[in-house]
Amino acid sequence: MEIEKIIRCAECNAVYQENAFSSPLCQHSFCGNCFMKMKKEAIENNPYENSNETVFIMECPVCHVVGKIQEDEEMYANRALSMLAKTFTNMPFSRQEKSQLCEECEAEEATERCEECGVYLCKKCGEKTHSFQVLKSHHRVPYNSKNPEISKENLTCPLHPNRMKEYFCTKCNMAICVDCIVLGEHREHDIVKLEHLAQGAETRVSLALTRNASIINQLESKLSKIRSLQDSLGDKLSRTKLILEKRFIEAYDALENRQAALVQELDDVGYTVSAGIQRFLNSNKRQINVLTLCKQFAQQIIQINNPMVLHEFENILEKILSTEGFDEKEFNKSQYEITAEFESVEDETLRLATITAPKFYGLLGHQVLEISDRYELPEEEMDFFKVVIKSGGVLTVKAWNGTDGGCIRLNIRDKLVIESGGKIDLTGLGYRGGEAVNQATEGRAKQGESHNGKGGDQQTANNGGGGGGLGTGAFGGYGGGGGGYGTKGKDAGANTYSSGFHPGATGGDTYGDEQISTLYRGSGGGSGHPYSNGQTKGKGGNGGGALLIRARMVINDGEILCDGEKGEDGISGTYGSGGGGGSGGSILIFANLINNGKISALGGKGGVNTNPGYQGICSNGGDGGDGRIALKGILKGNPTTPNAFLLKKK
């Protein structure tokens, strides 16, 4: 039949089993295997012409037409042709190119076909499904899936074995013979010859193909409109984005103008206050001037309302109110410097410069700190807009004194910039090392301090603090144990005098966690035993301080140090032992970090004994353990020492 040629692949001549694909270059159609093979060869032999488009060159193997083809094979799927092949191969007179599976279990090969149900079944499923009373009367005829068109059983009428099925009853939807029409129950039914039925089916399929082609064209037209609408929406989105950015810039400019106006108002107030104070000084007695000016001076500082300015001007107030007497010239000079700096404007921000370094300026909540010399923060926790540490600048804080100190918490809205030669230094500002002892009798030196407090005169560790060195009378002494924190402190060297062996003081234990859930300082090392009476040396090294930085970004070209302090060396010529090194402290950074410099929280080295020829009588102190470093952000550049623990984002 002509329709049988239509449903066969133009390359391998096989009937379409699943999808059929039509070439846009010509009118030939191919099965899925052949089309994919042609596409693969085309991709291997012809690279894409344009890297931004998935287009390749393909040649039709039948007519040898060459043209461009899109990589997406779904664009060329001919679903109408696939449906036609499936419909045709299910007809009783069609040729089957592959084994027919049982339509019930879909696993075994079909051995029979029910004429009434129109389904192919294996023997087991046929007996199972037709065991019901209503289906027992159905005609199940043998079926040869290998070559059904030459199976005589398949073409023979089951009711009249001597007749072939040449007709089709449209009412009963089954093939019948001539005796079924004349003698059977189909006498008054509408009957069509099978060959006429096939011709009619071909016509209907052709009409269906035409309708499907029309539907496909309509869908493609709608798809084109949808893509056009998508492009239009993209353009509108871009325009809306530009409008929003413009409005944001306008709003930002308006805020800056408002800020400049407020700065000018503050300038006017500054000049007015300064002039009033000067007139008051000139018109009142000396004692009244002292009290009044101090009051006005205090009010001005309160108006500035900044901890750093309060701290820097504290010395001026002490000088004014000192027992040495009031110096009116000194007061006027300081007032002039305060007022002038208070009224000056730089970079559209109000500049508040201190009398000494560092420079500090900005509106409240927008302060900028610039450091070019050594500067000690007056408070443990402070807020800034931006912090810049110049070359030669050192930002630090007072050492731990048993109550506070040794810790910095910086909240920076923008950036922390540490230039080359600048640094944040909290080395040895943490928990204190064991104090040096001055006795050489039988006993022990002092343990290092840890987060649980100061230690005693024990050789064992004080939590993270290193143990104190032991004195053995005539047999010498031992060094102090190293402080511990992120890693355990090292034990002090052993005393091996006179072929004996006495282990040194114990190194401090670890504490805390790698996420730095608690911002601990580093622990101190234990002190070493001096051995000789009246000598005081061999103090344990202090632990490193604790640093917390919250910022948008940290750019470090200098140094950030929270290292432990080195233990003190033993007394030269007296068989004294060295103190244990302090452990490194904590560095916790919530920011993206560009580290081209150094970030360190390492333990300090243990002090050494100063009698190399008498190693058995005295010993070296143990090295301090490393501290902890944690970062919540992106790290670029040099690694930290020790390596930072990267906190996960929630």
Foldseek 3Di string as FASTA:
>chain_A
DVLLQLQAAPPPRHGAPAWKFADPQDGGIHHPVVVVVQLVVQCVVFPDPDPVAQKTWGADPPPRGIDIDHPPRVVGIQVLSRVSSVVQCLDLQHWAPDFDAFPPVRPHTFFKAWQQVSGTHHPVVVCVVQVDPVNVPTDIWTADRNTRNPDLRSQAAPVHRVFGFFKAFPVSGGTHGPCCCVPNDCVPTDMGTPVVVVVVVVVVSVVVSVVVVVVVVVVVVVVVVVVVVVVVVVVVVVVVVVVVVVVVVVVVVVVLVVLLVVLQVQLVVLVVLLVVLVVVVVPDDDVVNLVVVLVSVVVVQVVLVDPVQCVLCPVVSCVCPDPVHHDPVSSNVVSVVQSVQQNDDDPSFRFGQGPDDDGWTGHVQAIEHEFQEEDADPDQEDEYQEYEYEAHGEYEHAADDQPDWLHHAYHYAAEYEYAANYEYFQELRAFFWFFFDQAQDFFWGFWWAFPVGGTGRALEHPAQTWHTKGHDQPLAIEEWWAGEEQQWWCFWCWACPPNRTGTTRGTHHYDDDQQCPDFTFWIWIYFWHQNDHRDTAQTTWGTFGTYEYEHAEYEDLYEYAREIAEWTAHDAPRQTEHTHWIEFGEAEYEYAYEHAYAYARGTHAWHAYNCVVRPNNYTTYITHGGYHYEYAHHYHHDAYVVGYHYDDDD
